N, C-alpha and C. Protein backbone atom coordinates (compact mmCIF):
# COMPACT_ATOMS: atom_id res chain seq x y z
N UNK A 1 30.48 47.35 -16.14
CA UNK A 1 32.11 47.78 -16.45
C UNK A 1 32.29 48.39 -17.84
N UNK A 2 33.18 48.90 -18.14
CA UNK A 2 33.49 49.63 -19.27
C UNK A 2 34.36 48.39 -20.22
N UNK A 3 34.79 48.85 -21.28
CA UNK A 3 35.63 48.24 -22.33
C UNK A 3 37.37 48.35 -21.47
N UNK A 4 37.54 49.17 -21.08
CA UNK A 4 39.03 49.47 -20.24
C UNK A 4 39.32 48.70 -19.24
N UNK A 5 38.22 49.07 -18.70
CA UNK A 5 38.01 48.22 -17.02
C UNK A 5 37.89 46.77 -17.74
N UNK A 6 36.96 46.23 -18.41
CA UNK A 6 37.53 44.88 -18.90
C UNK A 6 39.11 44.64 -18.92
N UNK A 7 39.07 45.07 -20.03
CA UNK A 7 40.57 44.82 -20.71
C UNK A 7 41.79 44.75 -19.34
N UNK A 8 41.58 45.69 -18.34
CA UNK A 8 42.93 45.40 -17.46
C UNK A 8 42.36 44.35 -16.46
N UNK A 9 41.39 43.84 -16.54
CA UNK A 9 41.17 42.62 -15.90
C UNK A 9 41.16 41.77 -16.41
N UNK A 10 40.98 41.48 -17.98
CA UNK A 10 41.87 40.38 -18.57
C UNK A 10 43.05 40.04 -18.73
N UNK A 11 43.64 41.14 -18.57
CA UNK A 11 45.39 41.00 -18.34
C UNK A 11 45.52 40.91 -17.03
N UNK A 12 45.22 40.83 -15.96
CA UNK A 12 45.68 40.31 -14.65
C UNK A 12 45.24 38.78 -14.66
N UNK A 13 44.02 38.67 -15.53
CA UNK A 13 43.53 36.89 -15.54
C UNK A 13 44.44 36.46 -16.14
N UNK A 14 45.25 36.69 -17.42
CA UNK A 14 46.50 36.05 -17.78
C UNK A 14 47.63 35.78 -16.60
N UNK A 15 47.67 36.01 -15.90
CA UNK A 15 48.75 36.11 -14.94
C UNK A 15 48.36 34.67 -14.25
N UNK A 16 46.96 34.33 -13.98
CA UNK A 16 46.44 33.24 -13.35
C UNK A 16 47.36 32.15 -13.29
N UNK A 17 47.81 30.85 -12.66
CA UNK A 17 48.81 30.31 -12.39
C UNK A 17 47.78 28.56 -12.77
N UNK A 18 46.34 28.71 -11.85
CA UNK A 18 45.41 27.81 -12.56
C UNK A 18 43.95 27.97 -12.85
N UNK A 19 43.54 27.54 -14.01
CA UNK A 19 42.05 27.73 -14.37
C UNK A 19 41.04 27.50 -13.31
N UNK A 20 39.90 28.56 -13.59
CA UNK A 20 39.13 28.47 -12.64
C UNK A 20 38.33 27.18 -12.56
N UNK A 21 37.71 26.66 -11.48
CA UNK A 21 36.84 25.63 -11.70
C UNK A 21 35.51 25.58 -12.64
N UNK A 22 35.48 24.65 -13.19
CA UNK A 22 34.88 24.41 -14.63
C UNK A 22 33.34 24.04 -14.00
N UNK A 23 33.30 23.28 -13.39
CA UNK A 23 31.58 22.69 -13.33
C UNK A 23 30.76 23.58 -12.07
N UNK A 24 29.69 23.99 -12.33
CA UNK A 24 28.77 24.31 -11.67
C UNK A 24 28.77 24.33 -9.86
N UNK A 25 29.14 22.75 -9.76
CA UNK A 25 29.29 22.15 -8.77
C UNK A 25 30.45 23.08 -8.08
N UNK A 26 31.85 22.61 -8.73
CA UNK A 26 33.18 23.29 -7.98
C UNK A 26 32.84 24.68 -7.65
N UNK A 27 32.01 25.61 -8.91
CA UNK A 27 32.68 27.08 -8.48
C UNK A 27 31.59 27.38 -7.40
N UNK A 28 30.42 26.67 -7.42
CA UNK A 28 29.58 26.88 -6.20
C UNK A 28 29.99 27.00 -4.94
N UNK A 29 30.73 25.47 -4.56
CA UNK A 29 31.80 25.00 -3.54
C UNK A 29 32.37 26.19 -3.15
N UNK A 30 33.06 26.55 -4.15
CA UNK A 30 34.68 27.72 -3.92
C UNK A 30 33.81 28.93 -3.27
N UNK A 31 32.79 29.27 -4.27
CA UNK A 31 31.79 30.65 -3.53
C UNK A 31 31.66 30.16 -2.39
N UNK A 32 31.05 29.18 -1.79
CA UNK A 32 30.57 28.68 -0.29
C UNK A 32 31.78 28.83 0.50
N UNK A 33 32.93 28.78 0.31
CA UNK A 33 34.00 28.60 1.01
C UNK A 33 34.61 30.12 0.79
N UNK A 34 34.46 31.01 0.25
CA UNK A 34 35.04 32.16 0.17
C UNK A 34 34.28 32.97 0.78
N UNK A 35 32.59 32.89 0.66
CA UNK A 35 31.97 33.78 1.39
C UNK A 35 31.61 33.24 2.93
N UNK A 36 31.93 32.11 3.25
CA UNK A 36 31.74 31.25 4.61
C UNK A 36 30.27 30.83 4.78
N UNK A 37 29.46 31.29 3.98
CA UNK A 37 28.10 30.43 4.42
C UNK A 37 27.44 30.40 3.09
N UNK A 38 26.41 29.67 2.69
CA UNK A 38 25.73 29.61 1.59
C UNK A 38 24.73 30.35 1.63
N UNK A 39 24.18 31.06 2.75
CA UNK A 39 23.65 32.18 2.71
C UNK A 39 24.11 33.48 1.93
N UNK A 40 25.39 33.57 2.42
CA UNK A 40 26.06 34.78 1.70
C UNK A 40 25.84 34.44 0.42
N UNK A 41 26.35 33.34 -0.09
CA UNK A 41 26.72 33.07 -1.63
C UNK A 41 25.21 32.92 -2.12
N UNK A 42 24.17 32.62 -2.16
CA UNK A 42 22.92 32.82 -2.32
C UNK A 42 22.61 34.60 -2.50
N UNK A 43 22.83 35.47 -1.27
CA UNK A 43 22.69 36.45 -1.78
C UNK A 43 23.23 37.30 -2.73
N UNK A 44 24.40 36.36 -2.56
CA UNK A 44 25.83 37.02 -3.69
C UNK A 44 25.44 37.17 -5.30
N UNK A 45 24.54 35.62 -5.40
CA UNK A 45 24.09 35.44 -6.63
C UNK A 45 22.65 35.93 -7.51
N UNK A 46 21.88 35.83 -5.97
CA UNK A 46 20.64 36.25 -6.16
C UNK A 46 19.61 35.29 -6.38
N UNK A 47 19.91 34.39 -5.85
CA UNK A 47 19.07 32.78 -5.71
C UNK A 47 19.28 32.19 -4.29
N UNK A 48 17.96 31.22 -3.87
CA UNK A 48 17.87 30.81 -2.69
C UNK A 48 18.89 29.97 -2.28
N UNK A 49 18.55 30.19 -0.77
CA UNK A 49 19.99 29.37 0.10
C UNK A 49 19.98 27.89 -0.34
N UNK A 50 18.83 27.05 -0.62
CA UNK A 50 18.20 25.65 -0.65
C UNK A 50 19.05 25.52 -2.48
N UNK A 51 19.23 26.53 -3.49
CA UNK A 51 19.54 26.27 -4.68
C UNK A 51 20.94 26.04 -4.66
N UNK A 52 21.57 27.12 -3.77
CA UNK A 52 23.14 26.79 -3.51
C UNK A 52 23.74 25.43 -2.84
N UNK A 53 22.93 25.03 -2.02
CA UNK A 53 22.98 23.53 -1.29
C UNK A 53 23.16 22.45 -2.25
N UNK A 54 21.70 22.77 -3.22
CA UNK A 54 22.03 21.72 -4.31
C UNK A 54 22.76 21.72 -5.29
N UNK A 55 23.19 22.98 -5.49
CA UNK A 55 24.68 23.11 -6.66
C UNK A 55 25.91 22.63 -5.73
N UNK A 56 26.24 22.81 -4.03
CA UNK A 56 27.25 22.31 -3.47
C UNK A 56 27.42 20.53 -3.81
N UNK A 57 26.17 20.24 -3.51
CA UNK A 57 25.96 18.56 -3.38
C UNK A 57 25.75 18.06 -4.78
N UNK A 58 25.71 19.24 -5.62
CA UNK A 58 26.07 18.50 -7.21
C UNK A 58 24.27 17.88 -7.73
N UNK A 59 23.42 18.21 -6.44
CA UNK A 59 22.25 17.63 -7.21
C UNK A 59 21.60 18.52 -8.77
N UNK A 60 22.27 19.71 -8.56
CA UNK A 60 21.91 20.37 -10.39
C UNK A 60 23.00 20.85 -10.92
N UNK A 61 23.36 20.44 -12.22
CA UNK A 61 24.65 20.36 -12.52
C UNK A 61 24.57 21.28 -13.69
N UNK A 62 23.47 22.05 -13.87
CA UNK A 62 23.51 22.67 -15.47
C UNK A 62 22.61 24.20 -14.91
N UNK A 63 23.38 24.96 -14.81
CA UNK A 63 22.69 26.51 -14.19
C UNK A 63 22.38 26.87 -15.72
N UNK A 64 21.02 27.96 -15.26
CA UNK A 64 20.69 28.76 -16.35
C UNK A 64 21.54 29.34 -17.25
N UNK A 65 21.86 30.44 -18.06
CA UNK A 65 22.89 30.72 -18.68
C UNK A 65 22.77 31.99 -17.55
N UNK A 66 21.87 32.69 -17.42
CA UNK A 66 22.78 34.06 -16.41
C UNK A 66 23.01 33.75 -15.23
N UNK A 67 22.49 33.09 -14.30
CA UNK A 67 23.10 31.74 -12.95
C UNK A 67 24.52 31.89 -13.58
N UNK A 68 24.55 31.02 -14.31
CA UNK A 68 26.18 30.51 -14.78
C UNK A 68 27.49 31.62 -15.24
N UNK A 69 26.95 32.59 -15.93
CA UNK A 69 27.68 33.87 -15.85
C UNK A 69 27.74 34.54 -14.95
N UNK A 70 26.75 34.60 -13.62
CA UNK A 70 27.16 35.39 -12.88
C UNK A 70 27.85 34.74 -11.71
N UNK A 71 27.79 33.26 -12.01
CA UNK A 71 29.12 32.13 -11.07
C UNK A 71 30.32 32.69 -11.53
N UNK A 72 30.11 32.84 -12.69
CA UNK A 72 31.69 32.65 -13.66
C UNK A 72 32.29 34.09 -13.34
N UNK A 73 31.65 35.37 -12.86
CA UNK A 73 31.99 36.48 -12.67
C UNK A 73 32.23 36.56 -11.12
N UNK A 74 31.60 35.71 -10.29
CA UNK A 74 31.98 35.85 -8.62
C UNK A 74 33.15 35.33 -8.71
N UNK A 75 33.06 34.10 -9.19
CA UNK A 75 34.19 33.40 -8.88
C UNK A 75 35.56 33.80 -9.59
N UNK A 76 35.66 34.24 -10.78
CA UNK A 76 36.82 34.97 -11.49
C UNK A 76 37.17 36.21 -10.59
N UNK A 77 35.98 36.89 -10.05
CA UNK A 77 36.48 38.04 -9.17
C UNK A 77 37.62 37.89 -7.89
N UNK A 78 37.27 36.30 -7.38
CA UNK A 78 37.79 36.23 -5.99
C UNK A 78 38.93 35.10 -6.50
N UNK A 79 39.20 34.51 -7.63
CA UNK A 79 40.17 33.70 -7.99
C UNK A 79 42.00 34.44 -8.07
N UNK A 80 42.28 33.41 -7.27
CA UNK A 80 43.98 33.49 -6.83
C UNK A 80 44.10 35.05 -6.29
N UNK A 81 43.98 35.86 -5.47
CA UNK A 81 44.12 37.16 -5.05
C UNK A 81 45.27 37.40 -4.67
N UNK A 82 46.09 36.28 -4.26
CA UNK A 82 47.41 36.55 -4.35
C UNK A 82 48.26 37.03 -5.56
N UNK A 83 48.24 36.24 -6.28
CA UNK A 83 48.82 36.05 -8.03
C UNK A 83 48.37 37.51 -8.43
N UNK A 84 47.00 37.86 -8.58
CA UNK A 84 46.46 38.68 -8.77
C UNK A 84 47.54 40.03 -8.29
N UNK A 85 47.30 40.03 -7.02
CA UNK A 85 48.08 41.45 -6.41
C UNK A 85 49.79 41.40 -6.70
N UNK A 86 50.29 40.07 -7.04
CA UNK A 86 51.40 40.34 -7.53
C UNK A 86 51.69 40.86 -9.04
N UNK A 87 50.85 40.19 -9.52
CA UNK A 87 50.92 40.77 -11.33
C UNK A 87 50.78 42.36 -11.00
N UNK A 88 49.96 42.85 -10.29
CA UNK A 88 49.91 44.43 -10.56
C UNK A 88 50.68 44.86 -9.52
N UNK A 89 51.61 44.61 -8.92
CA UNK A 89 52.64 45.22 -8.03
C UNK A 89 53.58 44.90 -9.06
N UNK A 90 53.83 44.10 -9.81
CA UNK A 90 55.16 43.74 -10.66
C UNK A 90 55.10 45.13 -11.56
N UNK A 91 53.56 45.05 -12.38
CA UNK A 91 53.17 45.76 -13.26
C UNK A 91 53.32 47.25 -12.80
N UNK A 92 53.43 47.64 -11.65
CA UNK A 92 53.22 48.68 -11.37
C UNK A 92 54.50 49.74 -10.24
N UNK A 93 55.45 48.81 -10.43
CA UNK A 93 56.78 48.68 -9.61
C UNK A 93 58.03 48.72 -10.87
N UNK A 94 57.60 47.72 -11.49
CA UNK A 94 59.18 47.46 -12.59
C UNK A 94 58.96 47.08 -13.91
N UNK A 95 57.91 46.51 -14.12
CA UNK A 95 57.59 46.15 -15.39
C UNK A 95 56.54 47.09 -16.57
N UNK A 96 55.56 47.69 -15.89
CA UNK A 96 54.96 48.40 -16.67
C UNK A 96 53.67 47.39 -17.16
N UNK A 97 52.83 48.41 -18.21
CA UNK A 97 51.74 47.39 -19.03
C UNK A 97 52.04 47.88 -20.75
N UNK A 98 51.53 47.00 -21.62
CA UNK A 98 51.79 47.16 -22.80
C UNK A 98 50.16 47.48 -23.26
N UNK A 99 49.90 48.55 -24.17
CA UNK A 99 48.42 48.52 -24.37
C UNK A 99 48.72 48.65 -26.19
N UNK A 100 47.26 48.00 -26.19
CA UNK A 100 47.26 48.04 -27.86
C UNK A 100 45.93 48.49 -28.12
N UNK A 101 45.85 49.15 -29.12
CA UNK A 101 44.66 49.93 -28.91
C UNK A 101 44.78 50.47 -30.61
N UNK A 102 43.28 50.21 -31.11
CA UNK A 102 42.65 51.23 -32.42
C UNK A 102 42.06 51.87 -31.86
N UNK A 103 42.13 53.40 -32.23
CA UNK A 103 41.22 54.53 -31.64
C UNK A 103 41.45 55.39 -32.46
N UNK A 104 40.77 56.44 -32.60
CA UNK A 104 40.25 57.90 -33.03
C UNK A 104 41.67 58.78 -32.15
N UNK A 105 42.76 59.11 -32.90
CA UNK A 105 43.81 60.63 -32.27
C UNK A 105 43.96 61.59 -32.72
N UNK A 106 43.28 62.64 -31.96
CA UNK A 106 43.05 64.10 -32.10
C UNK A 106 44.15 65.11 -31.87
N UNK A 107 44.80 65.95 -32.26
CA UNK A 107 45.99 66.68 -31.59
C UNK A 107 45.47 67.99 -31.90
N UNK A 108 45.83 68.97 -30.25
CA UNK A 108 46.24 70.09 -30.35
C UNK A 108 47.45 70.31 -30.25
N UNK A 109 47.70 70.77 -31.36
CA UNK A 109 49.20 71.55 -31.65
C UNK A 109 49.99 73.06 -32.25
N UNK A 110 50.85 72.75 -32.34
CA UNK A 110 51.17 74.58 -32.72
C UNK A 110 50.71 74.93 -34.47
N UNK A 111 50.80 75.88 -34.55
CA UNK A 111 50.11 76.09 -35.95
C UNK A 111 50.63 75.65 -37.01
N UNK A 112 50.48 75.08 -37.99
CA UNK A 112 51.03 74.80 -38.88
C UNK A 112 51.49 73.27 -39.11
N UNK A 113 50.77 72.69 -38.44
CA UNK A 113 50.91 70.94 -38.39
C UNK A 113 49.56 70.85 -38.29
N UNK A 114 49.91 69.48 -38.88
CA UNK A 114 48.09 68.85 -38.88
C UNK A 114 47.23 68.33 -37.49
N UNK A 115 46.68 68.74 -37.30
CA UNK A 115 45.62 68.12 -36.01
C UNK A 115 44.82 67.67 -36.22
N UNK A 116 44.07 66.74 -37.62
CA UNK A 116 43.12 66.17 -37.58
C UNK A 116 43.37 64.57 -37.52
N UNK A 117 41.92 64.55 -36.37
CA UNK A 117 41.88 63.24 -36.17
C UNK A 117 42.02 62.12 -37.01
N UNK A 118 42.48 61.16 -36.69
CA UNK A 118 42.43 60.09 -37.27
C UNK A 118 42.52 58.36 -36.70
N UNK A 119 42.09 57.40 -37.73
CA UNK A 119 42.46 56.18 -36.69
C UNK A 119 43.79 55.46 -36.64
N UNK A 120 44.06 55.13 -35.76
CA UNK A 120 45.20 55.00 -35.52
C UNK A 120 45.53 53.43 -35.07
N UNK A 121 46.28 52.54 -35.15
CA UNK A 121 46.43 51.40 -34.45
C UNK A 121 48.08 51.16 -33.51
N UNK A 122 48.22 51.20 -32.21
CA UNK A 122 49.33 51.70 -31.71
C UNK A 122 49.49 50.54 -30.44
N UNK A 123 50.87 49.87 -30.56
CA UNK A 123 50.76 49.10 -29.25
C UNK A 123 52.04 49.98 -28.48
N UNK A 124 51.98 50.24 -27.37
CA UNK A 124 52.99 51.04 -26.69
C UNK A 124 53.05 50.21 -25.49
N UNK A 125 54.13 50.08 -24.97
CA UNK A 125 54.39 49.74 -23.61
C UNK A 125 55.03 50.99 -22.65
N UNK A 126 53.91 50.95 -21.58
CA UNK A 126 54.03 52.21 -20.84
C UNK A 126 54.45 51.91 -19.60
N UNK A 127 55.26 53.17 -19.09
CA UNK A 127 55.99 52.91 -17.80
C UNK A 127 55.16 52.25 -16.90
N UNK A 128 55.31 51.99 -15.84
CA UNK A 128 54.86 51.47 -14.44
C UNK A 128 54.22 52.66 -14.11
N UNK A 129 54.45 53.70 -13.97
CA UNK A 129 53.67 54.37 -13.46
C UNK A 129 52.27 54.87 -13.52
N UNK A 130 51.98 55.00 -15.05
CA UNK A 130 50.58 54.70 -15.77
C UNK A 130 50.10 53.10 -15.33
N UNK A 131 50.81 52.38 -15.53
CA UNK A 131 50.15 51.09 -15.03
C UNK A 131 49.55 51.31 -13.49
N UNK A 132 50.45 51.83 -12.61
CA UNK A 132 50.22 52.17 -11.30
C UNK A 132 48.87 52.88 -11.07
N UNK A 133 48.36 53.79 -12.05
CA UNK A 133 47.45 54.85 -12.01
C UNK A 133 46.35 54.17 -12.49
N UNK A 134 46.08 53.31 -13.57
CA UNK A 134 45.50 52.67 -14.22
C UNK A 134 44.85 51.77 -13.44
N UNK A 135 45.97 50.64 -12.14
CA UNK A 135 45.03 49.71 -11.30
C UNK A 135 45.04 50.13 -10.60
N UNK A 136 45.09 51.49 -9.74
CA UNK A 136 44.76 52.04 -8.83
C UNK A 136 42.87 52.63 -8.84
N UNK A 137 43.01 53.37 -10.46
CA UNK A 137 41.77 53.90 -10.69
C UNK A 137 40.64 53.09 -10.61
N UNK A 138 40.93 51.77 -10.92
CA UNK A 138 40.28 50.57 -11.34
C UNK A 138 39.94 49.99 -9.87
N UNK A 139 40.74 49.94 -9.53
CA UNK A 139 40.60 49.58 -8.12
C UNK A 139 39.19 50.14 -6.97
N UNK A 140 39.62 51.34 -7.61
CA UNK A 140 38.63 52.53 -6.89
C UNK A 140 37.12 52.84 -7.65
N UNK A 141 37.08 51.64 -8.33
CA UNK A 141 35.72 52.07 -9.44
C UNK A 141 35.58 53.24 -9.97
N UNK A 142 36.75 53.55 -10.83
CA UNK A 142 37.07 55.03 -11.74
C UNK A 142 35.65 54.48 -13.00
N UNK A 143 35.17 55.60 -13.76
CA UNK A 143 34.51 55.53 -14.85
C UNK A 143 35.57 55.12 -15.94
N UNK A 144 34.69 54.73 -16.85
CA UNK A 144 35.86 54.35 -18.29
C UNK A 144 35.81 55.79 -18.72
N UNK A 145 35.50 56.43 -18.59
CA UNK A 145 36.08 57.86 -19.30
C UNK A 145 37.54 57.88 -18.71
N UNK A 146 36.74 57.78 -17.00
CA UNK A 146 38.57 58.11 -16.31
C UNK A 146 39.64 57.43 -16.80
N UNK A 147 39.52 56.10 -17.12
CA UNK A 147 40.41 55.05 -17.13
C UNK A 147 41.12 55.38 -18.89
N UNK A 148 40.24 55.80 -19.65
CA UNK A 148 40.58 56.48 -20.70
C UNK A 148 41.12 57.56 -20.58
N UNK A 149 41.00 58.48 -19.89
CA UNK A 149 41.78 59.94 -19.83
C UNK A 149 43.23 59.57 -19.42
N UNK A 150 43.65 58.72 -18.33
CA UNK A 150 44.56 58.25 -17.88
C UNK A 150 45.41 57.38 -19.54
N UNK A 151 44.80 56.90 -19.88
CA UNK A 151 45.43 55.87 -21.16
C UNK A 151 45.58 56.79 -22.20
N UNK A 152 45.19 57.91 -22.54
CA UNK A 152 45.22 59.52 -23.32
C UNK A 152 46.27 59.65 -23.10
N UNK A 153 46.59 60.14 -21.23
CA UNK A 153 47.81 60.86 -21.26
C UNK A 153 49.09 60.28 -21.46
N UNK A 154 48.71 58.54 -21.17
CA UNK A 154 50.12 57.71 -21.27
C UNK A 154 50.35 57.41 -22.49
N UNK A 155 49.57 57.91 -23.29
CA UNK A 155 50.04 57.47 -24.66
C UNK A 155 50.69 58.62 -24.86
N UNK A 156 50.18 60.03 -24.77
CA UNK A 156 50.35 61.14 -25.31
C UNK A 156 51.86 61.55 -24.81
N UNK A 157 52.24 60.95 -23.61
CA UNK A 157 53.32 61.53 -22.91
C UNK A 157 54.77 60.30 -23.58
N UNK A 158 54.02 58.83 -23.99
CA UNK A 158 55.27 58.38 -23.73
C UNK A 158 55.07 58.05 -25.40
N UNK A 159 54.48 58.09 -25.95
CA UNK A 159 54.40 57.25 -27.66
C UNK A 159 54.45 58.74 -28.54
N UNK A 160 53.58 59.93 -28.32
CA UNK A 160 53.67 61.00 -29.04
C UNK A 160 54.77 62.12 -28.48
N UNK A 161 54.71 62.25 -27.70
CA UNK A 161 56.11 63.02 -26.65
C UNK A 161 57.26 62.42 -26.61
N UNK A 162 57.17 61.32 -26.83
CA UNK A 162 58.49 60.40 -26.69
C UNK A 162 59.61 60.93 -25.41
N UNK A 163 58.49 60.92 -24.52
CA UNK A 163 59.15 61.27 -22.86
C UNK A 163 59.55 62.38 -22.82
N UNK A 164 59.05 63.44 -23.19
CA UNK A 164 59.55 64.87 -23.29
C UNK A 164 60.54 65.06 -24.50
N UNK A 165 61.09 64.55 -24.86
CA UNK A 165 62.03 64.51 -26.12
C UNK A 165 61.59 65.64 -27.61
N UNK A 166 59.91 65.26 -27.80
CA UNK A 166 59.87 66.44 -28.80
C UNK A 166 58.12 66.54 -28.42
N UNK A 167 57.52 67.66 -29.43
CA UNK A 167 56.34 68.14 -29.18
C UNK A 167 56.06 68.38 -27.99
N UNK A 168 56.71 69.21 -27.80
CA UNK A 168 56.25 69.74 -26.22
C UNK A 168 55.12 70.12 -25.74
N UNK A 169 54.15 71.51 -26.59
CA UNK A 169 53.12 71.64 -26.42
C UNK A 169 52.02 71.04 -27.04
N UNK A 170 52.16 69.33 -27.74
CA UNK A 170 51.19 68.46 -27.88
C UNK A 170 50.36 67.94 -26.69
N UNK A 171 48.80 68.29 -27.20
CA UNK A 171 47.93 67.67 -26.46
C UNK A 171 47.08 66.88 -27.31
N UNK A 172 46.92 65.12 -26.58
CA UNK A 172 46.27 64.06 -27.70
C UNK A 172 44.57 64.10 -26.89
N UNK A 173 43.94 63.89 -27.98
CA UNK A 173 42.69 63.72 -27.77
C UNK A 173 42.71 62.07 -28.26
N UNK A 174 41.86 61.26 -26.97
CA UNK A 174 41.86 59.96 -27.53
C UNK A 174 40.12 59.51 -27.70
N UNK A 175 40.07 59.32 -28.45
CA UNK A 175 38.51 59.03 -28.68
C UNK A 175 37.79 57.97 -29.50
N UNK A 176 36.71 57.46 -29.90
CA UNK A 176 36.46 56.66 -30.77
C UNK A 176 36.95 55.08 -30.57
N UNK A 177 37.31 54.61 -29.35
CA UNK A 177 37.98 53.49 -29.22
C UNK A 177 37.05 52.06 -29.77
N UNK A 178 38.01 51.32 -30.97
CA UNK A 178 37.84 50.45 -31.39
C UNK A 178 37.41 49.14 -30.68
N UNK A 179 38.72 49.20 -30.25
CA UNK A 179 39.84 48.10 -29.81
C UNK A 179 40.56 48.59 -28.64
N UNK A 180 40.81 47.46 -27.67
CA UNK A 180 41.89 47.69 -26.29
C UNK A 180 41.77 46.84 -25.53
N UNK A 181 43.34 46.76 -25.85
CA UNK A 181 43.83 45.46 -25.23
C UNK A 181 45.17 45.57 -24.18
N UNK A 182 45.05 45.38 -22.69
CA UNK A 182 46.21 45.43 -21.81
C UNK A 182 46.78 43.95 -21.93
N UNK A 183 48.32 44.37 -21.64
CA UNK A 183 49.15 42.87 -21.59
C UNK A 183 50.17 43.18 -20.19
N UNK A 184 50.57 42.38 -19.56
CA UNK A 184 51.33 42.96 -18.50
C UNK A 184 52.66 42.48 -18.90
């Protein structure tokens, strides 16, 4: 996954009402319940079915670092799906999404204006239509470059063109992303 996709996921995770299970056994029991069998959980994590059963019974308490990271990722991916869906729906229909980014912005504009790319830090509330496009593209497995293009268009229309009230011929280039964070 890329930086923008991870940031969108983190924004949705902030909407969770309960934390994910902390212990390896609790996480494994949750995965087994969600995937309906120890075999499916084992295949998903790349371990043996017997190892899954040992985690479920709390016979193993400390997983290897790589397995712990995979377990956390798989549990987080499935945690509170209704809360996640409601948060996305609310952002896509009424609230929009807030983007906080530090990146290089360049412009293609009318002659006589400065078009030199420069580093800027922006925090902008994006309208629901762009939130919907970002989440839809993320859910369909879009590349980070595609998500970056949507974010660039959103910043261009919302911040630089001020919703069509100024700079009508302006085209914004959004590159060298140093930091990006979304919030619902």
